[in-house]
Protein backbone atom coordinates (compact mmCIF):
# COMPACT_ATOMS: atom_id res chain seq x y z
CA UNK A 1 53.45 -44.75 -53.30
CA UNK A 2 52.87 -45.89 -49.54
CA UNK A 3 51.52 -48.96 -48.03
CA UNK A 4 50.20 -49.39 -44.66
CA UNK A 5 50.58 -53.31 -44.21
CA UNK A 6 48.60 -55.66 -42.15
CA UNK A 7 47.10 -53.19 -39.97
CA UNK A 8 45.16 -51.23 -42.69
CA UNK A 9 44.14 -54.66 -44.20
CA UNK A 10 42.24 -55.41 -40.73
CA UNK A 11 40.90 -51.99 -40.39
CA UNK A 12 39.23 -52.50 -43.67
CA UNK A 13 38.13 -55.74 -42.89
CA UNK A 14 36.65 -54.63 -39.74
CA UNK A 15 34.88 -51.76 -41.59
CA UNK A 16 33.14 -54.19 -44.24
CA UNK A 17 32.07 -56.59 -41.38
CA UNK A 18 30.30 -53.58 -39.67
CA UNK A 19 28.56 -52.45 -42.58
CA UNK A 20 27.91 -55.67 -43.62
CA UNK A 21 26.24 -56.37 -39.82
CA UNK A 22 24.19 -52.71 -40.20
CA UNK A 23 22.88 -54.12 -43.59
CA UNK A 24 21.66 -57.53 -41.90
CA UNK A 25 19.56 -55.64 -39.11
CA UNK A 26 18.01 -53.21 -41.30
CA UNK A 27 16.95 -55.90 -43.89
CA UNK A 28 16.06 -58.03 -40.87
CA UNK A 29 12.40 -56.66 -40.56
CA UNK A 30 10.24 -59.11 -42.50
CA UNK A 31 6.41 -60.12 -42.50
CA UNK A 32 4.77 -63.53 -43.17
CA UNK A 33 0.87 -64.61 -43.40
CA UNK A 34 -0.40 -68.11 -42.91
CA UNK A 35 -3.44 -69.96 -42.55
CA UNK A 36 -4.08 -72.71 -40.04
CA UNK A 37 -5.69 -74.90 -42.96
CA UNK A 38 -6.26 -73.91 -46.78
CA UNK A 39 -9.21 -75.97 -47.24
CA UNK A 40 -12.09 -76.25 -44.54
CA UNK A 41 -15.91 -77.00 -44.26
CA UNK A 42 -18.29 -74.11 -44.42
CA UNK A 43 -18.64 -72.70 -41.21
CA UNK A 44 -15.82 -74.34 -39.46
CA UNK A 45 -13.43 -71.52 -37.73
CA UNK A 46 -10.03 -70.56 -39.50
CA UNK A 47 -7.10 -68.86 -38.32
CA UNK A 48 -5.03 -66.69 -40.06
CA UNK A 49 -1.79 -65.58 -38.61
CA UNK A 50 0.31 -62.44 -39.33
CA UNK A 51 3.89 -62.54 -38.03
CA UNK A 52 5.85 -59.42 -38.20
CA UNK A 53 9.96 -59.46 -37.34
CA UNK A 54 11.23 -56.10 -35.88
CA UNK A 55 11.33 -53.93 -32.86
CA UNK A 56 8.01 -52.04 -33.56
CA UNK A 57 5.16 -53.36 -35.49
CA UNK A 58 1.66 -51.69 -36.16
CA UNK A 59 -1.02 -53.85 -37.71
CA UNK A 60 -3.88 -52.79 -39.68
CA UNK A 61 -7.54 -53.02 -37.70
CA UNK A 62 -9.12 -56.00 -39.62
CA UNK A 63 -12.78 -56.53 -38.73
CA UNK A 64 -13.73 -59.03 -41.66
CA UNK A 65 -11.68 -61.13 -43.95
CA UNK A 66 -13.55 -62.34 -47.14
CA UNK A 67 -17.15 -60.97 -46.19
CA UNK A 68 -17.02 -63.12 -42.80
CA UNK A 69 -16.54 -61.26 -39.46
CA UNK A 70 -13.39 -61.67 -37.46
CA UNK A 71 -14.87 -63.57 -34.26
CA UNK A 72 -11.59 -63.57 -32.54
CA UNK A 73 -8.54 -61.69 -32.16
CA UNK A 74 -5.32 -62.17 -30.10
CA UNK A 75 -1.82 -60.61 -30.59
CA UNK A 76 1.30 -61.45 -28.50
CA UNK A 77 5.21 -61.08 -28.77
CA UNK A 78 7.90 -62.89 -28.35
CA UNK A 79 11.81 -62.23 -27.94
CA UNK A 80 14.67 -64.32 -29.23
CA UNK A 81 18.69 -64.02 -29.08
CA UNK A 82 20.89 -64.65 -31.83
CA UNK A 83 24.41 -64.15 -32.25
CA UNK A 84 25.61 -62.08 -35.34
CA UNK A 85 29.11 -61.54 -35.91
CA UNK A 86 29.90 -62.83 -32.09
CA UNK A 87 27.91 -60.40 -30.62
CA UNK A 88 24.31 -61.11 -29.05
CA UNK A 89 21.44 -59.41 -30.54
CA UNK A 90 17.44 -59.49 -29.62
CA UNK A 91 15.00 -60.35 -32.15
CA UNK A 92 11.55 -59.38 -31.80
CA UNK A 93 8.73 -60.71 -33.15
CA UNK A 94 4.98 -59.65 -33.06
CA UNK A 95 2.13 -62.31 -34.02
CA UNK A 96 -1.65 -61.16 -35.01
CA UNK A 97 -3.92 -64.05 -35.03
CA UNK A 98 -7.51 -63.82 -36.36
CA UNK A 99 -10.18 -66.31 -36.09
CA UNK A 100 -13.23 -66.11 -38.66
CA UNK A 101 -15.43 -68.48 -40.24
CA UNK A 102 -15.51 -68.64 -44.25
CA UNK A 103 -18.86 -69.03 -45.82
CA UNK A 104 -17.00 -69.56 -49.65
CA UNK A 105 -13.97 -69.73 -51.56
CA UNK A 106 -12.22 -66.46 -51.18
CA UNK A 107 -8.42 -65.24 -51.59
CA UNK A 108 -6.92 -63.78 -48.18
CA UNK A 109 -5.89 -59.94 -49.24
CA UNK A 110 -2.50 -58.90 -48.88
CA UNK A 111 -1.74 -56.80 -45.58
CA UNK A 112 0.32 -53.81 -44.97
CA UNK A 113 2.37 -53.79 -41.69
CA UNK A 114 4.23 -51.00 -40.71
CA UNK A 115 7.66 -52.04 -38.99
CA UNK A 116 9.84 -49.63 -37.62
CA UNK A 117 8.50 -47.24 -39.80
CA UNK A 118 9.02 -49.03 -42.86
CA UNK A 119 5.93 -50.73 -44.55
CA UNK A 120 5.92 -54.67 -45.45
CA UNK A 121 3.29 -56.38 -47.31
CA UNK A 122 2.07 -59.95 -46.89
CA UNK A 123 1.40 -62.12 -49.88
CA UNK A 124 -2.28 -63.09 -50.89
CA UNK A 125 -3.62 -66.76 -50.00
CA UNK A 126 -6.47 -69.04 -51.30
CA UNK A 127 -8.52 -70.48 -49.00
CA UNK A 128 -11.17 -72.96 -50.50
CA UNK A 129 -14.61 -73.90 -48.70
CA UNK A 130 -16.51 -76.77 -48.89
CA UNK A 131 -20.24 -77.03 -48.42
CA UNK A 132 -21.45 -78.79 -45.17
CA UNK A 133 -24.69 -80.80 -45.19
CA UNK A 134 -26.64 -78.88 -42.62
CA UNK A 135 -27.78 -79.69 -39.83
CA UNK A 136 -26.34 -83.31 -39.90
CA UNK A 137 -23.11 -83.02 -38.02
CA UNK A 138 -19.77 -85.03 -38.99
CA UNK A 139 -18.95 -88.12 -37.05
CA UNK A 140 -15.77 -87.16 -36.12
CA UNK A 141 -17.11 -83.62 -34.69
CA UNK A 142 -17.40 -83.97 -30.54
CA UNK A 143 -19.49 -80.73 -31.17
CA UNK A 144 -20.69 -78.14 -33.53
CA UNK A 145 -23.13 -75.30 -34.71
CA UNK A 146 -25.58 -75.31 -37.48
CA UNK A 147 -28.44 -72.89 -38.16
CA UNK A 148 -31.24 -73.36 -40.13
CA UNK A 149 -34.52 -71.25 -41.05
CA UNK A 150 -37.91 -72.14 -41.58
CA UNK A 151 -38.14 -70.13 -45.14
CA UNK A 152 -35.84 -68.79 -47.70
CA UNK A 153 -38.52 -66.10 -49.15
CA UNK A 154 -40.59 -64.18 -47.26
CA UNK A 155 -42.88 -60.72 -47.48
CA UNK A 156 -42.28 -57.48 -45.42
CA UNK A 157 -44.03 -58.36 -42.37
CA UNK A 158 -44.19 -61.77 -42.42
CA UNK A 159 -42.23 -64.20 -40.00
CA UNK A 160 -39.52 -66.32 -40.63
CA UNK A 161 -37.95 -68.77 -37.83
CA UNK A 162 -34.68 -69.21 -37.38
CA UNK A 163 -33.07 -72.04 -35.36
CA UNK A 164 -29.28 -72.68 -34.20
CA UNK A 165 -28.18 -76.19 -33.24
CA UNK A 166 -25.26 -76.95 -31.04
CA UNK A 167 -24.83 -80.59 -31.01
CA UNK A 168 -22.32 -82.24 -28.44
CA UNK A 169 -21.45 -86.00 -28.70
CA UNK A 170 -22.62 -88.18 -26.01
CA UNK A 171 -20.09 -88.25 -23.39
CA UNK A 172 -17.98 -85.46 -23.86
CA UNK A 173 -17.60 -83.31 -20.80
CA UNK A 174 -17.02 -79.76 -20.87
CA UNK A 175 -14.95 -78.25 -18.14
CA UNK A 176 -16.92 -75.00 -18.37
CA UNK A 177 -20.08 -73.55 -20.07
CA UNK A 178 -20.09 -73.00 -23.32
CA UNK A 179 -19.51 -68.64 -24.22
CA UNK A 180 -22.47 -68.36 -27.28
CA UNK A 181 -22.78 -65.60 -29.38
CA UNK A 182 -25.89 -65.11 -31.32
CA UNK A 183 -26.37 -64.67 -34.84
CA UNK A 184 -26.81 -61.14 -35.97
CA UNK A 185 -29.98 -60.44 -37.92
CA UNK A 186 -29.82 -56.79 -39.38
CA UNK A 187 -32.90 -55.50 -40.74
CA UNK A 188 -34.99 -57.65 -38.62
CA UNK A 189 -37.34 -57.17 -35.69
CA UNK A 190 -35.66 -60.05 -33.35
CA UNK A 191 -37.33 -62.21 -30.53
CA UNK A 192 -35.91 -64.84 -28.75
CA UNK A 193 -38.58 -67.72 -28.65
CA UNK A 194 -39.36 -69.62 -25.18
CA UNK A 195 -36.54 -71.01 -23.39
CA UNK A 196 -34.05 -73.55 -25.04
CA UNK A 197 -34.91 -76.86 -26.43
CA UNK A 198 -32.48 -79.76 -25.03
CA UNK A 199 -33.14 -83.62 -26.46
CA UNK A 200 -31.10 -86.42 -27.50
CA UNK A 201 -30.79 -87.58 -31.16
CA UNK A 202 -29.07 -90.60 -32.05
CA UNK A 203 -25.36 -90.57 -30.01
CA UNK A 204 -25.89 -86.80 -29.53
CA UNK A 205 -26.95 -84.15 -27.28
CA UNK A 206 -28.58 -81.23 -29.18
CA UNK A 207 -29.72 -77.75 -27.89
CA UNK A 208 -31.98 -75.35 -29.85
CA UNK A 209 -31.91 -71.80 -29.80
CA UNK A 210 -34.62 -70.06 -31.88
CA UNK A 211 -35.58 -66.96 -33.12
CA UNK A 212 -38.49 -65.29 -34.24
CA UNK A 213 -37.57 -62.52 -36.97
CA UNK A 214 -39.85 -60.20 -38.57
CA UNK A 215 -38.65 -58.29 -41.91
CA UNK A 216 -38.42 -54.32 -41.58
CA UNK A 217 -38.08 -53.75 -45.61
CA UNK A 218 -37.78 -55.61 -48.78
CA UNK A 219 -34.25 -56.82 -50.44
CA UNK A 220 -31.80 -59.87 -49.89
CA UNK A 221 -30.17 -60.43 -46.43
CA UNK A 222 -27.55 -62.62 -45.30
CA UNK A 223 -27.54 -63.83 -41.47
CA UNK A 224 -24.26 -63.94 -40.02
CA UNK A 225 -22.94 -67.22 -38.25
CA UNK A 226 -23.51 -68.14 -34.46
CA UNK A 227 -20.13 -68.66 -32.78
CA UNK A 228 -19.39 -70.16 -29.40
CA UNK A 229 -16.25 -71.06 -27.54
CA UNK A 230 -16.30 -74.60 -26.10
CA UNK A 231 -14.20 -75.20 -23.03
CA UNK A 232 -12.52 -78.55 -22.84
CA UNK A 233 -9.97 -80.07 -20.42
CA UNK A 234 -6.47 -79.63 -21.10
CA UNK A 235 -5.19 -82.98 -21.28
CA UNK A 236 -1.61 -82.06 -21.67
CA UNK A 237 -1.61 -80.76 -18.20
CA UNK A 238 -2.21 -83.38 -14.83
CA UNK A 239 -1.80 -82.67 -11.17
CA UNK A 240 0.12 -84.92 -9.00
CA UNK A 241 -2.93 -87.58 -8.85
CA UNK A 242 -3.27 -87.78 -12.57
CA UNK A 243 -6.24 -85.58 -13.06
CA UNK A 244 -6.30 -83.16 -16.23
CA UNK A 245 -6.68 -79.32 -15.20
CA UNK A 246 -6.84 -76.67 -16.91
CA UNK A 247 -9.12 -75.44 -19.96
CA UNK A 248 -8.52 -75.07 -23.47
CA UNK A 249 -11.09 -73.02 -25.49
CA UNK A 250 -12.00 -74.28 -28.79
CA UNK A 251 -14.05 -71.74 -31.09
CA UNK A 252 -16.61 -72.72 -33.34
CA UNK A 253 -19.21 -71.55 -35.60
CA UNK A 254 -22.41 -72.05 -37.65
CA UNK A 255 -23.28 -71.61 -41.34
CA UNK A 256 -24.80 -68.35 -42.67
CA UNK A 257 -28.17 -68.21 -44.33
CA UNK A 258 -29.62 -65.88 -46.92
CA UNK A 259 -33.14 -64.66 -46.52
CA UNK A 260 -34.82 -62.83 -49.67
CA UNK A 261 -37.93 -60.50 -48.50
CA UNK A 262 -40.28 -59.23 -51.14
CA UNK A 263 -42.04 -56.13 -50.74
CA UNK A 264 -45.94 -56.89 -50.21
CA UNK A 265 -48.54 -55.60 -52.99
CA UNK A 266 -50.71 -54.18 -50.22
CA UNK A 267 -49.92 -52.16 -47.43
CA UNK A 268 -51.46 -53.20 -44.38
CA UNK A 269 -51.02 -53.74 -40.52
CA UNK A 270 -50.37 -57.37 -40.36
CA UNK A 271 -49.17 -60.03 -42.36
CA UNK A 272 -50.68 -63.73 -42.00
CA UNK A 273 -54.14 -65.71 -41.33
CA UNK A 274 -55.74 -63.94 -38.35
CA UNK A 275 -59.22 -63.66 -36.87
CA UNK A 276 -60.67 -61.53 -33.89
CA UNK A 277 -62.57 -61.99 -30.93
CA UNK A 278 -64.14 -58.82 -29.18
CA UNK A 279 -66.38 -58.31 -26.17
CA UNK A 280 -67.68 -55.45 -24.09
CA UNK A 281 -69.19 -56.48 -20.59
CA UNK A 282 -72.02 -53.66 -20.62
CA UNK A 283 -73.54 -51.09 -22.66
CA UNK A 284 -75.62 -49.28 -19.89
CA UNK A 285 -73.67 -48.24 -16.74
CA UNK A 286 -73.99 -45.73 -13.80
CA UNK A 287 -72.21 -42.52 -13.89
CA UNK A 288 -68.00 -43.06 -13.39
CA UNK A 289 -68.61 -46.97 -13.58
CA UNK A 290 -66.24 -48.55 -16.06
CA UNK A 291 -67.02 -50.07 -19.31
CA UNK A 292 -64.29 -52.94 -19.86
CA UNK A 293 -63.84 -54.03 -23.63
CA UNK A 294 -61.27 -56.99 -24.37
CA UNK A 295 -60.05 -57.73 -28.01
CA UNK A 296 -58.27 -60.76 -28.98
CA UNK A 297 -56.29 -61.29 -32.14
CA UNK A 298 -55.43 -65.12 -32.70
CA UNK A 299 -54.16 -67.30 -35.68
CA UNK A 300 -50.85 -67.97 -37.88
CA UNK A 301 -48.22 -65.24 -38.36
CA UNK A 302 -46.39 -62.84 -35.97
CA UNK A 303 -48.09 -60.47 -33.75
CA UNK A 304 -44.84 -59.48 -31.73
CA UNK A 305 -44.30 -55.83 -32.92
CA UNK A 306 -48.20 -55.58 -33.38
CA UNK A 307 -49.83 -52.24 -31.90
CA UNK A 308 -53.76 -51.92 -31.55
CA UNK A 309 -54.65 -48.37 -32.40
CA UNK A 310 -55.63 -46.60 -29.21
CA UNK A 311 -58.72 -44.89 -28.12
CA UNK A 312 -59.58 -41.46 -27.81
CA UNK A 313 -63.06 -39.90 -27.05
CA UNK A 314 -63.98 -36.54 -25.90
CA UNK A 315 -65.20 -36.64 -22.17
CA UNK A 316 -64.21 -40.30 -21.38
CA UNK A 317 -61.26 -41.34 -19.37
CA UNK A 318 -59.62 -44.16 -20.72
CA UNK A 319 -57.48 -46.99 -19.54
CA UNK A 320 -55.52 -49.70 -21.00
CA UNK A 321 -53.48 -52.49 -19.93
CA UNK A 322 -50.10 -53.72 -21.77
CA UNK A 323 -50.74 -55.88 -24.46
CA UNK A 324 -50.47 -59.53 -23.67
CA UNK A 325 -48.78 -61.51 -26.69
CA UNK A 326 -48.24 -65.24 -26.88
CA UNK A 327 -46.25 -66.98 -29.62
CA UNK A 328 -45.71 -70.59 -29.96
CA UNK A 329 -44.38 -73.26 -32.60
CA UNK A 330 -46.65 -75.77 -33.09
CA UNK A 331 -45.06 -78.15 -36.04
CA UNK A 332 -44.01 -75.98 -38.51
CA UNK A 333 -46.44 -73.29 -38.13
CA UNK A 334 -46.09 -70.28 -35.83
CA UNK A 335 -49.01 -69.34 -33.77
CA UNK A 336 -49.65 -65.86 -32.05
CA UNK A 337 -52.31 -64.38 -29.85
CA UNK A 338 -52.49 -60.87 -28.85
CA UNK A 339 -54.48 -59.84 -26.01
CA UNK A 340 -55.24 -55.89 -24.82
CA UNK A 341 -58.10 -54.91 -22.44
CA UNK A 342 -59.54 -51.18 -22.38
CA UNK A 343 -61.35 -49.20 -19.38
CA UNK A 344 -63.74 -46.24 -20.35
CA UNK A 345 -65.31 -44.11 -17.62
CA UNK A 346 -67.56 -41.33 -18.04
CA UNK A 347 -70.40 -39.32 -16.81
CA UNK A 348 -72.12 -39.03 -19.74
CA UNK A 349 -73.45 -40.99 -23.02
CA UNK A 350 -70.82 -41.88 -24.91
CA UNK A 351 -69.74 -43.95 -28.09
CA UNK A 352 -66.62 -46.35 -28.28
CA UNK A 353 -65.65 -46.09 -32.31
CA UNK A 354 -65.05 -48.65 -34.68
CA UNK A 355 -61.62 -49.87 -35.19
CA UNK A 356 -60.51 -51.86 -38.20
CA UNK A 357 -57.00 -54.09 -39.02
CA UNK A 358 -55.82 -55.18 -42.25
CA UNK A 359 -54.05 -58.33 -42.64
CA UNK A 360 -52.04 -59.74 -46.09
CA UNK A 361 -52.51 -63.35 -46.44
CA UNK A 362 -48.91 -64.42 -47.95
CA UNK A 363 -50.81 -67.87 -48.78
CA UNK A 364 -53.57 -66.62 -50.76
CA UNK A 365 -52.16 -63.09 -52.05
CA UNK A 366 -55.57 -61.54 -50.50
CA UNK A 367 -56.34 -59.06 -47.80
CA UNK A 368 -58.47 -59.43 -45.33
CA UNK A 369 -60.18 -56.94 -42.59
CA UNK A 370 -60.97 -57.64 -38.85
CA UNK A 371 -63.00 -55.24 -37.57
CA UNK A 372 -64.51 -53.95 -34.09
CA UNK A 373 -67.38 -52.48 -34.46
CA UNK A 374 -68.53 -49.09 -32.43
CA UNK A 375 -70.88 -49.31 -29.58
CA UNK A 376 -73.10 -47.00 -27.76
CA UNK A 377 -73.25 -46.68 -24.08
CA UNK A 378 -75.69 -45.11 -22.12
CA UNK A 379 -74.79 -43.92 -18.68
CA UNK A 380 -77.35 -43.16 -15.85
CA UNK A 381 -76.37 -39.58 -14.32
CA UNK A 382 -76.51 -39.08 -10.45
CA UNK A 383 -79.41 -36.94 -9.79
CA UNK A 384 -79.26 -35.04 -6.45
CA UNK A 385 -82.95 -34.06 -5.39
CA UNK A 386 -83.36 -30.45 -3.22
CA UNK A 387 -85.62 -30.70 0.00
CA UNK A 388 -89.31 -29.84 -0.47
CA UNK A 389 -91.18 -28.10 2.19
CA UNK A 390 -93.55 -30.36 3.91
CA UNK A 391 -96.92 -30.30 2.22
CA UNK A 392 -96.01 -29.30 -1.03
CA UNK A 393 -95.09 -31.79 -4.38
CA UNK A 394 -91.92 -32.22 -5.66
CA UNK A 395 -92.05 -31.35 -9.22
CA UNK A 396 -88.71 -30.88 -10.18
CA UNK A 397 -85.23 -31.29 -8.79
CA UNK A 398 -83.94 -28.14 -10.49
CA UNK A 399 -81.43 -25.72 -8.77
CA UNK A 400 -82.45 -22.24 -9.55
CA UNK A 401 -79.56 -19.58 -9.65
CA UNK A 402 -81.36 -16.42 -10.57
CA UNK A 403 -83.87 -15.87 -7.69
CA UNK A 404 -85.22 -12.47 -7.15
CA UNK A 405 -86.27 -11.41 -4.14
CA UNK A 406 -88.87 -9.02 -2.70
CA UNK A 407 -87.17 -5.85 -1.51
CA UNK A 408 -89.88 -4.86 0.61
CA UNK A 409 -88.71 -8.16 2.95
CA UNK A 410 -85.41 -7.02 3.53
CA UNK A 411 -84.31 -4.74 6.48
CA UNK A 412 -84.02 -0.85 6.54
CA UNK A 413 -80.39 -0.15 6.90
CA UNK A 414 -80.96 2.97 7.89
CA UNK A 415 -82.92 2.47 10.81
CA UNK A 416 -80.88 -0.23 11.91
CA UNK A 417 -78.42 0.87 14.85
CA UNK A 418 -74.92 -0.91 15.03
CA UNK A 419 -73.45 -0.85 18.18
CA UNK A 420 -69.56 -1.19 18.04
CA UNK A 421 -68.07 -1.57 21.23
CA UNK A 422 -64.00 -0.23 21.66
CA UNK A 423 -61.36 -2.71 22.57
CA UNK A 424 -59.30 -1.76 25.73
CA UNK A 425 -55.63 -1.34 25.15
CA UNK A 426 -54.77 -4.00 27.55
CA UNK A 427 -56.62 -6.58 25.95
CA UNK A 428 -54.47 -6.00 22.63
CA UNK A 429 -51.20 -6.38 24.73
CA UNK A 430 -52.31 -9.88 26.63
CA UNK A 431 -53.27 -11.30 23.32
CA UNK A 432 -50.30 -10.11 21.97
CA UNK A 433 -48.13 -12.10 24.90
CA UNK A 434 -50.52 -15.00 24.69
CA UNK A 435 -49.73 -15.40 20.83
CA UNK A 436 -45.91 -15.45 21.76
CA UNK A 437 -46.47 -18.23 24.25
CA UNK A 438 -48.70 -20.31 22.05
CA UNK A 439 -45.51 -20.29 19.05
CA UNK A 440 -43.35 -20.84 21.85
CA UNK A 441 -44.91 -24.26 22.73
CA UNK A 442 -45.60 -25.52 19.17
CA UNK A 443 -42.32 -25.33 18.67
CA UNK A 444 -41.66 -28.00 20.76
CA UNK A 445 -44.50 -30.24 20.47
CA UNK A 446 -44.32 -33.56 18.74
CA UNK A 447 -45.97 -32.40 15.75
CA UNK A 448 -46.12 -36.00 14.29
CA UNK A 449 -48.62 -37.19 16.53
CA UNK A 450 -51.38 -34.78 14.96
CA UNK A 451 -50.36 -35.51 11.72
CA UNK A 452 -52.88 -37.72 9.66
CA UNK A 453 -51.57 -40.60 8.27
CA UNK A 454 -50.95 -40.56 4.65
CA UNK A 455 -51.33 -43.35 1.77
CA UNK A 456 -48.04 -44.25 0.01
CA UNK A 457 -50.32 -44.64 -2.92
CA UNK A 458 -51.03 -41.59 -5.27
CA UNK A 459 -54.99 -41.52 -6.20
CA UNK A 460 -53.88 -41.79 -9.87
CA UNK A 461 -51.98 -45.19 -9.08
CA UNK A 462 -54.49 -46.47 -6.59
CA UNK A 463 -57.05 -46.03 -9.27
CA UNK A 464 -55.20 -48.15 -11.69
CA UNK A 465 -54.88 -50.93 -9.17
CA UNK A 466 -58.63 -50.69 -8.20
CA UNK A 467 -60.50 -50.46 -11.18
CA UNK A 468 -59.67 -53.60 -12.43
CA UNK A 469 -61.05 -55.23 -9.43
CA UNK A 470 -64.34 -52.73 -9.10
CA UNK A 471 -66.46 -56.35 -9.03
CA UNK A 472 -65.00 -58.06 -6.20
CA UNK A 473 -66.59 -56.13 -3.46
CA UNK A 474 -68.75 -52.95 -2.56
CA UNK A 475 -66.08 -50.90 -0.90
CA UNK A 476 -63.81 -51.33 -3.89
CA UNK A 477 -66.58 -49.93 -6.24
CA UNK A 478 -67.69 -47.32 -4.20
CA UNK A 479 -63.22 -46.12 -3.93
CA UNK A 480 -63.58 -46.22 -7.47
CA UNK A 481 -66.35 -43.74 -8.08
CA UNK A 482 -65.15 -41.53 -5.66
CA UNK A 483 -61.58 -41.10 -7.25
CA UNK A 484 -63.25 -40.73 -11.04
CA UNK A 485 -65.55 -38.29 -9.37
CA UNK A 486 -62.50 -36.31 -7.76
CA UNK A 487 -60.43 -36.80 -10.69
CA UNK A 488 -63.31 -35.33 -12.80
CA UNK A 489 -63.49 -32.31 -10.76
CA UNK A 490 -65.69 -32.88 -7.89
CA UNK A 491 -64.10 -30.87 -5.01
CA UNK A 492 -66.86 -31.94 -2.64
CA UNK A 493 -65.42 -35.83 -2.71
CA UNK A 494 -63.04 -36.55 0.14
CA UNK A 495 -60.71 -39.83 0.00
CA UNK A 496 -60.21 -41.68 3.30
CA UNK A 497 -56.42 -42.21 2.91
CA UNK A 498 -56.69 -45.08 5.60
CA UNK A 499 -58.96 -46.81 3.67
CA UNK A 500 -57.76 -46.41 0.44
CA UNK A 501 -54.33 -47.69 1.78
CA UNK A 502 -55.88 -51.01 3.12
CA UNK A 503 -57.99 -51.61 -0.19
CA UNK A 504 -54.86 -51.18 -2.17
CA UNK A 505 -52.62 -53.39 0.27
CA UNK A 506 -55.65 -55.84 -0.13
CA UNK A 507 -55.53 -56.51 -3.48
CA UNK A 508 -51.61 -56.52 -3.90
CA UNK A 509 -51.21 -59.12 -0.85
CA UNK A 510 -54.20 -60.94 -0.60
CA UNK A 511 -52.90 -63.38 1.76
């Protein structure tokens, strides 16, 4: 048996060290998940940090944690050097930080991360959420967000008012304006009410952001929190004069809100308590003169998504303006006003049909009907009389189209001689040359001098502008009548473009 001596022993030890180093490197990859806080007040932000050690780390796309949306996401890498068996090795770590606002106790699930082709899993983490007493703010919070609703149970179509309160402690100076993200209101029509409202309350400054919501369908809904990033001065950095510079962005979140929406027992146009006013300016007019109808609905509830049923009448041109909706919060009640006007223009008598709007009153569980009656409109026709010979009495102004002539009064075509003169050949050549000269001169003449000035407004557009001011002057009234007559097919009407332009510009620029 042959013994190799010390050289063989050293070689064996070296091989073992290489295998050990390789084993250490292969097992150096790892993952770890940690929370910034394991107990938090409802609505406050929490950060989940997942750290992966290895060359290449691939994280899953995490959009929500425990039912709460992820509102912030940051990923970064860090390289560090370490000595292994006398050799310097580069250890790379990748961190994913997710920010969210938990609303209830939850367990952070285990996540799978791929590192250098191998899959590693994090451990689950328990998170406890303590209920907040909204909208009161903790004294040690320099700024916070809270969200409240005026109702917890509503009917389909019944409005609910949601208010987000941003509270800032007096004396706190922000280095940047807050970056605000509104709550998500899935399943509701949304309208932001007026402008933000700011006031002082005790030792805090409060800003209110209000949202008017109208549910589309029945069901249980949860509104996700409002979030914001608050820019405050970085106190860890000072310039040469001792002043702070730089900004630290602090994320904050509001609480969430649950709303139950029930179906109405009746299928109605509106939900609330409303009354209606209607007014027609006249019911006897001249041909092509507008008849104006104004409808106003007012009361408690939302009219933001209401659409008045349009009118369609044969032989009548109908114009309507855009509905004007005004919404106000008076005390704890939502007051709304809906106003819309119509103009009816025709050459003959017509009837404006009746309209009805059904309203469900959630307070009394009854259905009320708002009614607009029908209106009979008499139109005075424009009669054109025929010229009557002197000495005769005009009995009627009727134009006959089938008058027969006495053939004995017609000329005898056989006896009539028609003299036809021949045209000399030189006259034809002269006319041809004259035409060429005229075409040549026409090519170089400044034709723009002979063009008639055009109005920049189309007649249909000008008609919409002028009809609302028909009672302001006789010129506007005459122009509106001409425009309507031409629109209805009267080819004998001639519109003076210059006058039309002047009238429209006079209205658009009164001063």
